[in-house]
Amino acid sequence: MAIASVTIVTDPPGRILTGIAAAGLILFAGLTWRARPKLAITPDGLALRGWFRTQLFRRSDLKIIRITEFRRHGRTVRLLEVETADGGLVILSRWDLGTNPLEVLDALTDAGYAGGDRR
């Protein structure tokens, strides 16, 4: 789109608009690349990366980790729910995790974080 705004579009307002759209797409792609995956198992605990900071949860900080499954627009959607001991709730989708939430729950169970509660 950036190349098209310079080469194809000939009127100045069109160049400005397509240039802004190209910059927005580049920014969106960069932020999306930074955002995933959000969850990682580290030696210190479970790291949850956000846009600006990373939270570290130890086993004692976690209350329950489970899969929630529901139907939406004719397909099954699975979400990984991480509930903390202080009442916080983090919900992660396939997009956030970069893979199937069931595989993440299995990896967390193998690492000793989850009891394998599947709903």
PDB file of N, CA and C in Angstrom:
ATOM      1  N   MET A   1       0.826  -1.174   0.000  1.00  0.00           N
ATOM      2  CA  MET A   1       0.000   0.000   0.000  1.00  0.00           C
ATOM      3  C   MET A   1       0.881   1.253   0.000  1.00  0.00           C
ATOM      4  N   ALA A   2       2.002   1.207   0.713  1.00  0.00           N
ATOM      5  CA  ALA A   2       2.905   2.348   0.728  1.00  0.00           C
ATOM      6  C   ALA A   2       3.478   2.591  -0.668  1.00  0.00           C
ATOM      7  N   ILE A   3       3.818   1.532  -1.370  1.00  0.00           N
ATOM      8  CA  ILE A   3       4.340   1.664  -2.734  1.00  0.00           C
ATOM      9  C   ILE A   3       3.255   2.200  -3.657  1.00  0.00           C
ATOM     10  N   ALA A   4       2.037   1.737  -3.475  1.00  0.00           N
ATOM     11  CA  ALA A   4       0.930   2.211  -4.308  1.00  0.00           C
ATOM     12  C   ALA A   4       0.664   3.692  -4.070  1.00  0.00           C
ATOM     13  N   SER A   5       0.797   4.150  -2.831  1.00  0.00           N
ATOM     14  CA  SER A   5       0.540   5.570  -2.559  1.00  0.00           C
ATOM     15  C   SER A   5       1.564   6.468  -3.235  1.00  0.00           C
ATOM     16  N   VAL A   6       2.759   5.948  -3.472  1.00  0.00           N
ATOM     17  CA  VAL A   6       3.800   6.749  -4.118  1.00  0.00           C
ATOM     18  C   VAL A   6       3.747   6.618  -5.634  1.00  0.00           C
ATOM     19  N   THR A   7       3.454   5.436  -6.141  1.00  0.00           N
ATOM     20  CA  THR A   7       3.555   5.200  -7.581  1.00  0.00           C
ATOM     21  C   THR A   7       2.240   5.297  -8.342  1.00  0.00           C
ATOM     22  N   ILE A   8       1.164   4.771  -7.807  1.00  0.00           N
ATOM     23  CA  ILE A   8      -0.097   4.681  -8.549  1.00  0.00           C
ATOM     24  C   ILE A   8      -0.990   5.902  -8.339  1.00  0.00           C
ATOM     25  N   VAL A   9      -1.137   6.329  -7.100  1.00  0.00           N
ATOM     26  CA  VAL A   9      -2.043   7.435  -6.793  1.00  0.00           C
ATOM     27  C   VAL A   9      -1.389   8.745  -7.224  1.00  0.00           C
ATOM     28  N   THR A  10      -2.123   9.528  -8.021  1.00  0.00           N
ATOM     29  CA  THR A  10      -1.532  10.747  -8.576  1.00  0.00           C
ATOM     30  C   THR A  10      -2.000  12.025  -7.901  1.00  0.00           C
ATOM     31  N   ASP A  11      -3.184  12.038  -7.308  1.00  0.00           N
ATOM     32  CA  ASP A  11      -3.655  13.264  -6.673  1.00  0.00           C
ATOM     33  C   ASP A  11      -3.123  13.360  -5.236  1.00  0.00           C
ATOM     34  N   PRO A  12      -2.753  14.563  -4.790  1.00  0.00           N
ATOM     35  CA  PRO A  12      -2.159  14.731  -3.451  1.00  0.00           C
ATOM     36  C   PRO A  12      -3.045  14.255  -2.298  1.00  0.00           C
ATOM     37  N   PRO A  13      -4.355  14.547  -2.271  1.00  0.00           N
ATOM     38  CA  PRO A  13      -5.166  14.030  -1.162  1.00  0.00           C
ATOM     39  C   PRO A  13      -5.197  12.492  -1.124  1.00  0.00           C
ATOM     40  N   GLY A  14      -5.241  11.874  -2.299  1.00  0.00           N
ATOM     41  CA  GLY A  14      -5.232  10.410  -2.356  1.00  0.00           C
ATOM     42  C   GLY A  14      -3.916   9.842  -1.851  1.00  0.00           C
ATOM     43  N   ARG A  15      -2.817  10.507  -2.184  1.00  0.00           N
ATOM     44  CA  ARG A  15      -1.503  10.061  -1.682  1.00  0.00           C
ATOM     45  C   ARG A  15      -1.434  10.162  -0.167  1.00  0.00           C
ATOM     46  N   ILE A  16      -1.970  11.232   0.368  1.00  0.00           N
ATOM     47  CA  ILE A  16      -1.945  11.405   1.822  1.00  0.00           C
ATOM     48  C   ILE A  16      -2.784  10.321   2.491  1.00  0.00           C
ATOM     49  N   LEU A  17      -3.988  10.081   1.983  1.00  0.00           N
ATOM     50  CA  LEU A  17      -4.869   9.076   2.595  1.00  0.00           C
ATOM     51  C   LEU A  17      -4.288   7.663   2.490  1.00  0.00           C
ATOM     52  N   THR A  18      -3.777   7.304   1.320  1.00  0.00           N
ATOM     53  CA  THR A  18      -3.191   5.966   1.206  1.00  0.00           C
ATOM     54  C   THR A  18      -1.898   5.861   2.002  1.00  0.00           C
ATOM     55  N   GLY A  19      -1.161   6.946   2.139  1.00  0.00           N
ATOM     56  CA  GLY A  19       0.038   6.940   2.990  1.00  0.00           C
ATOM     57  C   GLY A  19      -0.312   6.733   4.448  1.00  0.00           C
ATOM     58  N   ILE A  20      -1.376   7.398   4.912  1.00  0.00           N
ATOM     59  CA  ILE A  20      -1.835   7.210   6.294  1.00  0.00           C
ATOM     60  C   ILE A  20      -2.321   5.777   6.500  1.00  0.00           C
ATOM     61  N   ALA A  21      -3.064   5.249   5.527  1.00  0.00           N
ATOM     62  CA  ALA A  21      -3.539   3.867   5.629  1.00  0.00           C
ATOM     63  C   ALA A  21      -2.367   2.891   5.654  1.00  0.00           C
ATOM     64  N   ALA A  22      -1.345   3.124   4.847  1.00  0.00           N
ATOM     65  CA  ALA A  22      -0.169   2.252   4.828  1.00  0.00           C
ATOM     66  C   ALA A  22       0.567   2.310   6.160  1.00  0.00           C
ATOM     67  N   ALA A  23       0.716   3.524   6.705  1.00  0.00           N
ATOM     68  CA  ALA A  23       1.380   3.657   8.012  1.00  0.00           C
ATOM     69  C   ALA A  23       0.577   2.939   9.096  1.00  0.00           C
ATOM     70  N   GLY A  24      -0.756   3.036   9.039  1.00  0.00           N
ATOM     71  CA  GLY A  24      -1.603   2.330  10.006  1.00  0.00           C
ATOM     72  C   GLY A  24      -1.468   0.822   9.902  1.00  0.00           C
ATOM     73  N   LEU A  25      -1.400   0.311   8.677  1.00  0.00           N
ATOM     74  CA  LEU A  25      -1.226  -1.130   8.496  1.00  0.00           C
ATOM     75  C   LEU A  25       0.132  -1.602   9.000  1.00  0.00           C
ATOM     76  N   ILE A  26       1.169  -0.827   8.760  1.00  0.00           N
ATOM     77  CA  ILE A  26       2.510  -1.184   9.247  1.00  0.00           C
ATOM     78  C   ILE A  26       2.535  -1.155  10.774  1.00  0.00           C
ATOM     79  N   LEU A  27       1.909  -0.150  11.385  1.00  0.00           N
ATOM     80  CA  LEU A  27       1.841  -0.070  12.840  1.00  0.00           C
ATOM     81  C   LEU A  27       1.053  -1.245  13.413  1.00  0.00           C
ATOM     82  N   PHE A  28      -0.080  -1.564  12.789  1.00  0.00           N
ATOM     83  CA  PHE A  28      -0.894  -2.697  13.246  1.00  0.00           C
ATOM     84  C   PHE A  28      -0.118  -4.008  13.151  1.00  0.00           C
ATOM     85  N   ALA A  29       0.594  -4.210  12.058  1.00  0.00           N
ATOM     86  CA  ALA A  29       1.382  -5.434  11.891  1.00  0.00           C
ATOM     87  C   ALA A  29       2.481  -5.523  12.942  1.00  0.00           C
ATOM     88  N   GLY A  30       3.143  -4.424  13.221  1.00  0.00           N
ATOM     89  CA  GLY A  30       4.198  -4.426  14.228  1.00  0.00           C
ATOM     90  C   GLY A  30       3.672  -4.716  15.628  1.00  0.00           C
ATOM     91  N   LEU A  31       2.555  -4.094  15.983  1.00  0.00           N
ATOM     92  CA  LEU A  31       1.972  -4.329  17.302  1.00  0.00           C
ATOM     93  C   LEU A  31       1.427  -5.745  17.432  1.00  0.00           C
ATOM     94  N   THR A  32       0.860  -6.267  16.368  1.00  0.00           N
ATOM     95  CA  THR A  32       0.363  -7.640  16.388  1.00  0.00           C
ATOM     96  C   THR A  32       1.503  -8.628  16.550  1.00  0.00           C
ATOM     97  N   TRP A  33       2.604  -8.381  15.875  1.00  0.00           N
ATOM     98  CA  TRP A  33       3.773  -9.257  16.005  1.00  0.00           C
ATOM     99  C   TRP A  33       4.306  -9.212  17.430  1.00  0.00           C
ATOM    100  N   ARG A  34       4.280  -8.054  18.058  1.00  0.00           N
ATOM    101  CA  ARG A  34       4.774  -7.902  19.431  1.00  0.00           C
ATOM    102  C   ARG A  34       3.832  -8.563  20.438  1.00  0.00           C
ATOM    103  N   ALA A  35       2.559  -8.586  20.132  1.00  0.00           N
ATOM    104  CA  ALA A  35       1.563  -9.035  21.096  1.00  0.00           C
ATOM    105  C   ALA A  35       1.525 -10.542  21.281  1.00  0.00           C
ATOM    106  N   ARG A  36       1.953 -11.323  20.312  1.00  0.00           N
ATOM    107  CA  ARG A  36       1.804 -12.770  20.397  1.00  0.00           C
ATOM    108  C   ARG A  36       3.135 -13.453  20.508  1.00  0.00           C
ATOM    109  N   PRO A  37       3.240 -14.575  21.152  1.00  0.00           N
ATOM    110  CA  PRO A  37       2.287 -15.117  22.132  1.00  0.00           C
ATOM    111  C   PRO A  37       2.410 -14.391  23.459  1.00  0.00           C
ATOM    112  N   LYS A  38       1.353 -14.400  24.224  1.00  0.00           N
ATOM    113  CA  LYS A  38       1.318 -13.638  25.462  1.00  0.00           C
ATOM    114  C   LYS A  38       1.724 -14.452  26.683  1.00  0.00           C
ATOM    115  N   LEU A  39       1.725 -15.757  26.581  1.00  0.00           N
ATOM    116  CA  LEU A  39       1.954 -16.605  27.738  1.00  0.00           C
ATOM    117  C   LEU A  39       3.219 -17.429  27.542  1.00  0.00           C
ATOM    118  N   ALA A  40       4.058 -17.496  28.574  1.00  0.00           N
ATOM    119  CA  ALA A  40       5.293 -18.271  28.491  1.00  0.00           C
ATOM    120  C   ALA A  40       5.590 -18.896  29.846  1.00  0.00           C
ATOM    121  N   ILE A  41       6.103 -20.119  29.806  1.00  0.00           N
ATOM    122  CA  ILE A  41       6.542 -20.803  31.018  1.00  0.00           C
ATOM    123  C   ILE A  41       8.022 -20.495  31.192  1.00  0.00           C
ATOM    124  N   THR A  42       8.374 -19.856  32.308  1.00  0.00           N
ATOM    125  CA  THR A  42       9.760 -19.501  32.590  1.00  0.00           C
ATOM    126  C   THR A  42      10.198 -20.203  33.872  1.00  0.00           C
ATOM    127  N   PRO A  43      11.501 -20.243  34.143  1.00  0.00           N
ATOM    128  CA  PRO A  43      11.960 -20.850  35.404  1.00  0.00           C
ATOM    129  C   PRO A  43      11.423 -20.132  36.640  1.00  0.00           C
ATOM    130  N   ASP A  44      11.144 -18.815  36.522  1.00  0.00           N
ATOM    131  CA  ASP A  44      10.651 -18.054  37.665  1.00  0.00           C
ATOM    132  C   ASP A  44       9.145 -18.179  37.865  1.00  0.00           C
ATOM    133  N   GLY A  45       8.418 -18.568  36.834  1.00  0.00           N
ATOM    134  CA  GLY A  45       6.973 -18.679  36.928  1.00  0.00           C
ATOM    135  C   GLY A  45       6.329 -18.567  35.566  1.00  0.00           C
ATOM    136  N   LEU A  46       5.061 -18.246  35.576  1.00  0.00           N
ATOM    137  CA  LEU A  46       4.281 -18.102  34.355  1.00  0.00           C
ATOM    138  C   LEU A  46       4.286 -16.627  33.959  1.00  0.00           C
ATOM    139  N   ALA A  47       4.869 -16.309  32.800  1.00  0.00           N
ATOM    140  CA  ALA A  47       4.980 -14.919  32.355  1.00  0.00           C
ATOM    141  C   ALA A  47       3.844 -14.591  31.407  1.00  0.00           C
ATOM    142  N   LEU A  48       3.149 -13.518  31.697  1.00  0.00           N
ATOM    143  CA  LEU A  48       2.050 -13.036  30.868  1.00  0.00           C
ATOM    144  C   LEU A  48       2.452 -11.673  30.329  1.00  0.00           C
ATOM    145  N   ARG A  49       2.751 -11.625  29.034  1.00  0.00           N
ATOM    146  CA  ARG A  49       3.234 -10.394  28.421  1.00  0.00           C
ATOM    147  C   ARG A  49       2.073  -9.568  27.905  1.00  0.00           C
ATOM    148  N   GLY A  50       2.069  -8.306  28.270  1.00  0.00           N
ATOM    149  CA  GLY A  50       1.070  -7.368  27.784  1.00  0.00           C
ATOM    150  C   GLY A  50       1.705  -6.395  26.814  1.00  0.00           C
ATOM    151  N   TRP A  51       0.999  -5.313  26.516  1.00  0.00           N
ATOM    152  CA  TRP A  51       1.528  -4.326  25.572  1.00  0.00           C
ATOM    153  C   TRP A  51       2.720  -3.586  26.150  1.00  0.00           C
ATOM    154  N   PHE A  52       2.676  -3.273  27.452  1.00  0.00           N
ATOM    155  CA  PHE A  52       3.702  -2.424  28.033  1.00  0.00           C
ATOM    156  C   PHE A  52       4.501  -3.082  29.154  1.00  0.00           C
ATOM    157  N   ARG A  53       3.996  -4.156  29.744  1.00  0.00           N
ATOM    158  CA  ARG A  53       4.719  -4.800  30.842  1.00  0.00           C
ATOM    159  C   ARG A  53       4.450  -6.296  30.830  1.00  0.00           C
ATOM    160  N   THR A  54       5.283  -7.007  31.538  1.00  0.00           N
ATOM    161  CA  THR A  54       5.136  -8.453  31.676  1.00  0.00           C
ATOM    162  C   THR A  54       4.859  -8.778  33.134  1.00  0.00           C
ATOM    163  N   GLN A  55       3.787  -9.529  33.368  1.00  0.00           N
ATOM    164  CA  GLN A  55       3.454  -9.960  34.722  1.00  0.00           C
ATOM    165  C   GLN A  55       4.007 -11.363  34.929  1.00  0.00           C
ATOM    166  N   LEU A  56       4.514 -11.619  36.112  1.00  0.00           N
ATOM    167  CA  LEU A  56       5.046 -12.931  36.444  1.00  0.00           C
ATOM    168  C   LEU A  56       4.189 -13.537  37.550  1.00  0.00           C
ATOM    169  N   PHE A  57       3.606 -14.710  37.273  1.00  0.00           N
ATOM    170  CA  PHE A  57       2.774 -15.401  38.251  1.00  0.00           C
ATOM    171  C   PHE A  57       3.495 -16.655  38.712  1.00  0.00           C
ATOM    172  N   ARG A  58       3.638 -16.800  40.007  1.00  0.00           N
ATOM    173  CA  ARG A  58       4.179 -18.032  40.569  1.00  0.00           C
ATOM    174  C   ARG A  58       3.014 -19.003  40.803  1.00  0.00           C
ATOM    175  N   ARG A  59       3.340 -20.249  41.084  1.00  0.00           N
ATOM    176  CA  ARG A  59       2.267 -21.245  41.286  1.00  0.00           C
ATOM    177  C   ARG A  59       1.316 -20.834  42.400  1.00  0.00           C
ATOM    178  N   SER A  60       1.852 -20.195  43.444  1.00  0.00           N
ATOM    179  CA  SER A  60       1.009 -19.780  44.562  1.00  0.00           C
ATOM    180  C   SER A  60       0.088 -18.611  44.195  1.00  0.00           C
ATOM    181  N   ASP A  61       0.417 -17.875  43.135  1.00  0.00           N
ATOM    182  CA  ASP A  61      -0.409 -16.754  42.692  1.00  0.00           C
ATOM    183  C   ASP A  61      -1.607 -17.195  41.864  1.00  0.00           C
ATOM    184  N   LEU A  62      -1.611 -18.438  41.395  1.00  0.00           N
ATOM    185  CA  LEU A  62      -2.659 -18.922  40.504  1.00  0.00           C
ATOM    186  C   LEU A  62      -3.686 -19.741  41.276  1.00  0.00           C
ATOM    187  N   LYS A  63      -4.943 -19.460  41.001  1.00  0.00           N
ATOM    188  CA  LYS A  63      -6.023 -20.208  41.639  1.00  0.00           C
ATOM    189  C   LYS A  63      -6.450 -21.374  40.758  1.00  0.00           C
ATOM    190  N   ILE A  64      -6.769 -21.093  39.495  1.00  0.00           N
ATOM    191  CA  ILE A  64      -7.213 -22.147  38.594  1.00  0.00           C
ATOM    192  C   ILE A  64      -6.897 -21.741  37.149  1.00  0.00           C
ATOM    193  N   ILE A  65      -6.584 -22.742  36.356  1.00  0.00           N
ATOM    194  CA  ILE A  65      -6.391 -22.558  34.920  1.00  0.00           C
ATOM    195  C   ILE A  65      -7.310 -23.554  34.235  1.00  0.00           C
ATOM    196  N   ARG A  66      -8.166 -23.056  33.348  1.00  0.00           N
ATOM    197  CA  ARG A  66      -9.140 -23.946  32.710  1.00  0.00           C
ATOM    198  C   ARG A  66      -9.440 -23.491  31.296  1.00  0.00           C
ATOM    199  N   ILE A  67     -10.084 -24.390  30.566  1.00  0.00           N
ATOM    200  CA  ILE A  67     -10.553 -24.115  29.210  1.00  0.00           C
ATOM    201  C   ILE A  67     -12.055 -23.873  29.264  1.00  0.00           C
ATOM    202  N   THR A  68     -12.492 -22.791  28.634  1.00  0.00           N
ATOM    203  CA  THR A  68     -13.911 -22.525  28.463  1.00  0.00           C
ATOM    204  C   THR A  68     -14.217 -22.681  26.981  1.00  0.00           C
ATOM    205  N   GLU A  69     -15.267 -23.431  26.691  1.00  0.00           N
ATOM    206  CA  GLU A  69     -15.616 -23.739  25.307  1.00  0.00           C
ATOM    207  C   GLU A  69     -17.063 -23.331  25.060  1.00  0.00           C
ATOM    208  N   PHE A  70     -17.301 -22.633  23.960  1.00  0.00           N
ATOM    209  CA  PHE A  70     -18.662 -22.258  23.599  1.00  0.00           C
ATOM    210  C   PHE A  70     -18.796 -22.155  22.089  1.00  0.00           C
ATOM    211  N   ARG A  71     -20.027 -22.131  21.612  1.00  0.00           N
ATOM    212  CA  ARG A  71     -20.297 -22.042  20.176  1.00  0.00           C
ATOM    213  C   ARG A  71     -20.523 -20.581  19.822  1.00  0.00           C
ATOM    214  N   ARG A  72     -19.887 -20.164  18.725  1.00  0.00           N
ATOM    215  CA  ARG A  72     -20.051 -18.793  18.252  1.00  0.00           C
ATOM    216  C   ARG A  72     -20.011 -18.796  16.731  1.00  0.00           C
ATOM    217  N   HIS A  73     -21.035 -18.270  16.123  1.00  0.00           N
ATOM    218  CA  HIS A  73     -21.151 -18.196  14.665  1.00  0.00           C
ATOM    219  C   HIS A  73     -20.939 -19.560  14.007  1.00  0.00           C
ATOM    220  N   GLY A  74     -21.509 -20.593  14.589  1.00  0.00           N
ATOM    221  CA  GLY A  74     -21.464 -21.923  14.003  1.00  0.00           C
ATOM    222  C   GLY A  74     -20.165 -22.687  14.212  1.00  0.00           C
ATOM    223  N   ARG A  75     -19.268 -22.183  15.029  1.00  0.00           N
ATOM    224  CA  ARG A  75     -18.028 -22.917  15.292  1.00  0.00           C
ATOM    225  C   ARG A  75     -17.716 -22.878  16.779  1.00  0.00           C
ATOM    226  N   THR A  76     -16.906 -23.804  17.207  1.00  0.00           N
ATOM    227  CA  THR A  76     -16.542 -23.899  18.612  1.00  0.00           C
ATOM    228  C   THR A  76     -15.322 -23.028  18.890  1.00  0.00           C
ATOM    229  N   VAL A  77     -15.438 -22.193  19.915  1.00  0.00           N
ATOM    230  CA  VAL A  77     -14.352 -21.313  20.324  1.00  0.00           C
ATOM    231  C   VAL A  77     -13.882 -21.751  21.702  1.00  0.00           C
ATOM    232  N   ARG A  78     -12.568 -21.921  21.838  1.00  0.00           N
ATOM    233  CA  ARG A  78     -11.993 -22.296  23.126  1.00  0.00           C
ATOM    234  C   ARG A  78     -11.150 -21.138  23.651  1.00  0.00           C
ATOM    235  N   LEU A  79     -11.298 -20.868  24.942  1.00  0.00           N
ATOM    236  CA  LEU A  79     -10.538 -19.820  25.603  1.00  0.00           C
ATOM    237  C   LEU A  79      -9.813 -20.416  26.805  1.00  0.00           C
ATOM    238  N   LEU A  80      -8.617 -19.960  27.058  1.00  0.00           N
ATOM    239  CA  LEU A  80      -7.867 -20.361  28.242  1.00  0.00           C
ATOM    240  C   LEU A  80      -8.083 -19.291  29.304  1.00  0.00           C
ATOM    241  N   GLU A  81      -8.627 -19.694  30.435  1.00  0.00           N
ATOM    242  CA  GLU A  81      -8.868 -18.764  31.538  1.00  0.00           C
ATOM    243  C   GLU A  81      -7.846 -19.015  32.631  1.00  0.00           C
ATOM    244  N   VAL A  82      -7.187 -17.943  33.055  1.00  0.00           N
ATOM    245  CA  VAL A  82      -6.226 -18.019  34.153  1.00  0.00           C
ATOM    246  C   VAL A  82      -6.767 -17.131  35.261  1.00  0.00           C
ATOM    247  N   GLU A  83      -7.154 -17.755  36.371  1.00  0.00           N
ATOM    248  CA  GLU A  83      -7.687 -17.013  37.505  1.00  0.00           C
ATOM    249  C   GLU A  83      -6.621 -16.937  38.587  1.00  0.00           C
ATOM    250  N   THR A  84      -6.357 -15.721  39.050  1.00  0.00           N
ATOM    251  CA  THR A  84      -5.319 -15.533  40.059  1.00  0.00           C
ATOM    252  C   THR A  84      -5.918 -15.587  41.455  1.00  0.00           C
ATOM    253  N   ALA A  85      -5.057 -15.764  42.437  1.00  0.00           N
ATOM    254  CA  ALA A  85      -5.508 -15.885  43.819  1.00  0.00           C
ATOM    255  C   ALA A  85      -6.124 -14.586  44.334  1.00  0.00           C
ATOM    256  N   ASP A  86      -5.722 -13.457  43.781  1.00  0.00           N
ATOM    257  CA  ASP A  86      -6.275 -12.179  44.230  1.00  0.00           C
ATOM    258  C   ASP A  86      -7.560 -11.800  43.503  1.00  0.00           C
ATOM    259  N   GLY A  87      -8.127 -12.707  42.728  1.00  0.00           N
ATOM    260  CA  GLY A  87      -9.404 -12.479  42.064  1.00  0.00           C
ATOM    261  C   GLY A  87      -9.303 -11.980  40.637  1.00  0.00           C
ATOM    262  N   GLY A  88      -8.113 -11.854  40.105  1.00  0.00           N
ATOM    263  CA  GLY A  88      -7.955 -11.417  38.718  1.00  0.00           C
ATOM    264  C   GLY A  88      -8.273 -12.542  37.741  1.00  0.00           C
ATOM    265  N   LEU A  89      -8.705 -12.180  36.554  1.00  0.00           N
ATOM    266  CA  LEU A  89      -9.034 -13.156  35.526  1.00  0.00           C
ATOM    267  C   LEU A  89      -8.409 -12.711  34.213  1.00  0.00           C
ATOM    268  N   VAL A  90      -7.636 -13.608  33.617  1.00  0.00           N
ATOM    269  CA  VAL A  90      -7.026 -13.352  32.318  1.00  0.00           C
ATOM    270  C   VAL A  90      -7.603 -14.373  31.346  1.00  0.00           C
ATOM    271  N   ILE A  91      -8.146 -13.886  30.232  1.00  0.00           N
ATOM    272  CA  ILE A  91      -8.742 -14.758  29.227  1.00  0.00           C
ATOM    273  C   ILE A  91      -7.907 -14.650  27.960  1.00  0.00           C
ATOM    274  N   LEU A  92      -7.423 -15.793  27.472  1.00  0.00           N
ATOM    275  CA  LEU A  92      -6.554 -15.831  26.304  1.00  0.00           C
ATOM    276  C   LEU A  92      -7.175 -16.700  25.223  1.00  0.00           C
ATOM    277  N   SER A  93      -7.219 -16.174  24.016  1.00  0.00           N
ATOM    278  CA  SER A  93      -7.774 -16.910  22.888  1.00  0.00           C
ATOM    279  C   SER A  93      -6.654 -17.569  22.091  1.00  0.00           C
ATOM    280  N   ARG A  94      -7.034 -18.280  21.052  1.00  0.00           N
ATOM    281  CA  ARG A  94      -6.053 -18.902  20.157  1.00  0.00           C
ATOM    282  C   ARG A  94      -5.149 -17.830  19.546  1.00  0.00           C
ATOM    283  N   TRP A  95      -5.716 -16.688  19.228  1.00  0.00           N
ATOM    284  CA  TRP A  95      -4.952 -15.582  18.665  1.00  0.00           C
ATOM    285  C   TRP A  95      -3.890 -15.094  19.660  1.00  0.00           C
ATOM    286  N   ASP A  96      -4.255 -14.991  20.932  1.00  0.00           N
ATOM    287  CA  ASP A  96      -3.318 -14.537  21.959  1.00  0.00           C
ATOM    288  C   ASP A  96      -2.206 -15.550  22.217  1.00  0.00           C
ATOM    289  N   LEU A  97      -2.551 -16.833  22.148  1.00  0.00           N
ATOM    290  CA  LEU A  97      -1.603 -17.886  22.494  1.00  0.00           C
ATOM    291  C   LEU A  97      -0.731 -18.316  21.320  1.00  0.00           C
ATOM    292  N   GLY A  98      -1.222 -18.150  20.124  1.00  0.00           N
ATOM    293  CA  GLY A  98      -0.466 -18.570  18.950  1.00  0.00           C
ATOM    294  C   GLY A  98      -0.649 -20.036  18.609  1.00  0.00           C
ATOM    295  N   THR A  99      -1.448 -20.754  19.369  1.00  0.00           N
ATOM    296  CA  THR A  99      -1.732 -22.160  19.123  1.00  0.00           C
ATOM    297  C   THR A  99      -3.049 -22.521  19.802  1.00  0.00           C
ATOM    298  N   ASN A 100      -3.429 -23.774  19.704  1.00  0.00           N
ATOM    299  CA  ASN A 100      -4.666 -24.265  20.291  1.00  0.00           C
ATOM    300  C   ASN A 100      -4.601 -24.163  21.817  1.00  0.00           C
ATOM    301  N   PRO A 101      -5.608 -23.571  22.465  1.00  0.00           N
ATOM    302  CA  PRO A 101      -5.606 -23.471  23.929  1.00  0.00           C
ATOM    303  C   PRO A 101      -5.515 -24.830  24.635  1.00  0.00           C
ATOM    304  N   LEU A 102      -6.040 -25.904  24.016  1.00  0.00           N
ATOM    305  CA  LEU A 102      -5.920 -27.227  24.631  1.00  0.00           C
ATOM    306  C   LEU A 102      -4.459 -27.668  24.725  1.00  0.00           C
ATOM    307  N   GLU A 103      -3.664 -27.371  23.700  1.00  0.00           N
ATOM    308  CA  GLU A 103      -2.244 -27.704  23.734  1.00  0.00           C
ATOM    309  C   GLU A 103      -1.513 -26.904  24.811  1.00  0.00           C
ATOM    310  N   VAL A 104      -1.915 -25.647  24.988  1.00  0.00           N
ATOM    311  CA  VAL A 104      -1.309 -24.815  26.027  1.00  0.00           C
ATOM    312  C   VAL A 104      -1.665 -25.347  27.405  1.00  0.00           C
ATOM    313  N   LEU A 105      -2.928 -25.753  27.590  1.00  0.00           N
ATOM    314  CA  LEU A 105      -3.333 -26.327  28.875  1.00  0.00           C
ATOM    315  C   LEU A 105      -2.555 -27.611  29.162  1.00  0.00           C
ATOM    316  N   ASP A 106      -2.342 -28.442  28.142  1.00  0.00           N
ATOM    317  CA  ASP A 106      -1.548 -29.659  28.335  1.00  0.00           C
ATOM    318  C   ASP A 106      -0.112 -29.324  28.731  1.00  0.00           C
ATOM    319  N   ALA A 107       0.477 -28.308  28.100  1.00  0.00           N
ATOM    320  CA  ALA A 107       1.842 -27.900  28.447  1.00  0.00           C
ATOM    321  C   ALA A 107       1.899 -27.336  29.862  1.00  0.00           C
ATOM    322  N   LEU A 108       0.880 -26.576  30.256  1.00  0.00           N
ATOM    323  CA  LEU A 108       0.838 -26.046  31.617  1.00  0.00           C
ATOM    324  C   LEU A 108       0.650 -27.157  32.642  1.00  0.00           C
ATOM    325  N   THR A 109      -0.159 -28.150  32.299  1.00  0.00           N
ATOM    326  CA  THR A 109      -0.357 -29.298  33.185  1.00  0.00           C
ATOM    327  C   THR A 109       0.939 -30.083  33.351  1.00  0.00           C
ATOM    328  N   ASP A 110       1.649 -30.312  32.247  1.00  0.00           N
ATOM    329  CA  ASP A 110       2.934 -31.016  32.317  1.00  0.00           C
ATOM    330  C   ASP A 110       3.954 -30.253  33.149  1.00  0.00           C
ATOM    331  N   ALA A 111       3.887 -28.919  33.130  1.00  0.00           N
ATOM    332  CA  ALA A 111       4.824 -28.097  33.897  1.00  0.00           C
ATOM    333  C   ALA A 111       4.389 -27.931  35.351  1.00  0.00           C
ATOM    334  N   GLY A 112       3.207 -28.443  35.690  1.00  0.00           N
ATOM    335  CA  GLY A 112       2.747 -28.399  37.071  1.00  0.00           C
ATOM    336  C   GLY A 112       1.933 -27.171  37.424  1.00  0.00           C
ATOM    337  N   TYR A 113       1.441 -26.428  36.456  1.00  0.00           N
ATOM    338  CA  TYR A 113       0.675 -25.227  36.740  1.00  0.00           C
ATOM    339  C   TYR A 113      -0.822 -25.476  36.806  1.00  0.00           C
ATOM    340  N   ALA A 114      -1.327 -26.361  35.980  1.00  0.00           N
ATOM    341  CA  ALA A 114      -2.785 -26.552  35.881  1.00  0.00           C
ATOM    342  C   ALA A 114      -3.158 -27.950  36.313  1.00  0.00           C
ATOM    343  N   GLY A 115      -4.358 -28.046  36.854  1.00  0.00           N
ATOM    344  CA  GLY A 115      -4.862 -29.357  37.218  1.00  0.00           C
ATOM    345  C   GLY A 115      -5.595 -30.036  36.078  1.00  0.00           C
ATOM    346  N   GLY A 116      -5.674 -29.364  34.944  1.00  0.00           N
ATOM    347  CA  GLY A 116      -6.319 -29.965  33.779  1.00  0.00           C
ATOM    348  C   GLY A 116      -7.819 -29.886  33.799  1.00  0.00           C
ATOM    349  N   ASP A 117      -8.392 -28.806  34.343  1.00  0.00           N
ATOM    350  CA  ASP A 117      -9.831 -28.621  34.392  1.00  0.00           C
ATOM    351  C   ASP A 117     -10.336 -28.231  33.004  1.00  0.00           C
ATOM    352  N   ARG A 118     -11.039 -29.154  32.326  1.00  0.00           N
ATOM    353  CA  ARG A 118     -11.596 -28.873  31.001  1.00  0.00           C
ATOM    354  C   ARG A 118     -13.109 -28.868  31.093  1.00  0.00           C
ATOM    355  N   ARG A 119     -13.717 -27.812  30.589  1.00  0.00           N
ATOM    356  CA  ARG A 119     -15.174 -27.710  30.573  1.00  0.00           C
ATOM    357  C   ARG A 119     -15.671 -27.823  29.181  1.00  0.00           C
TER     358      ARG A 119
END
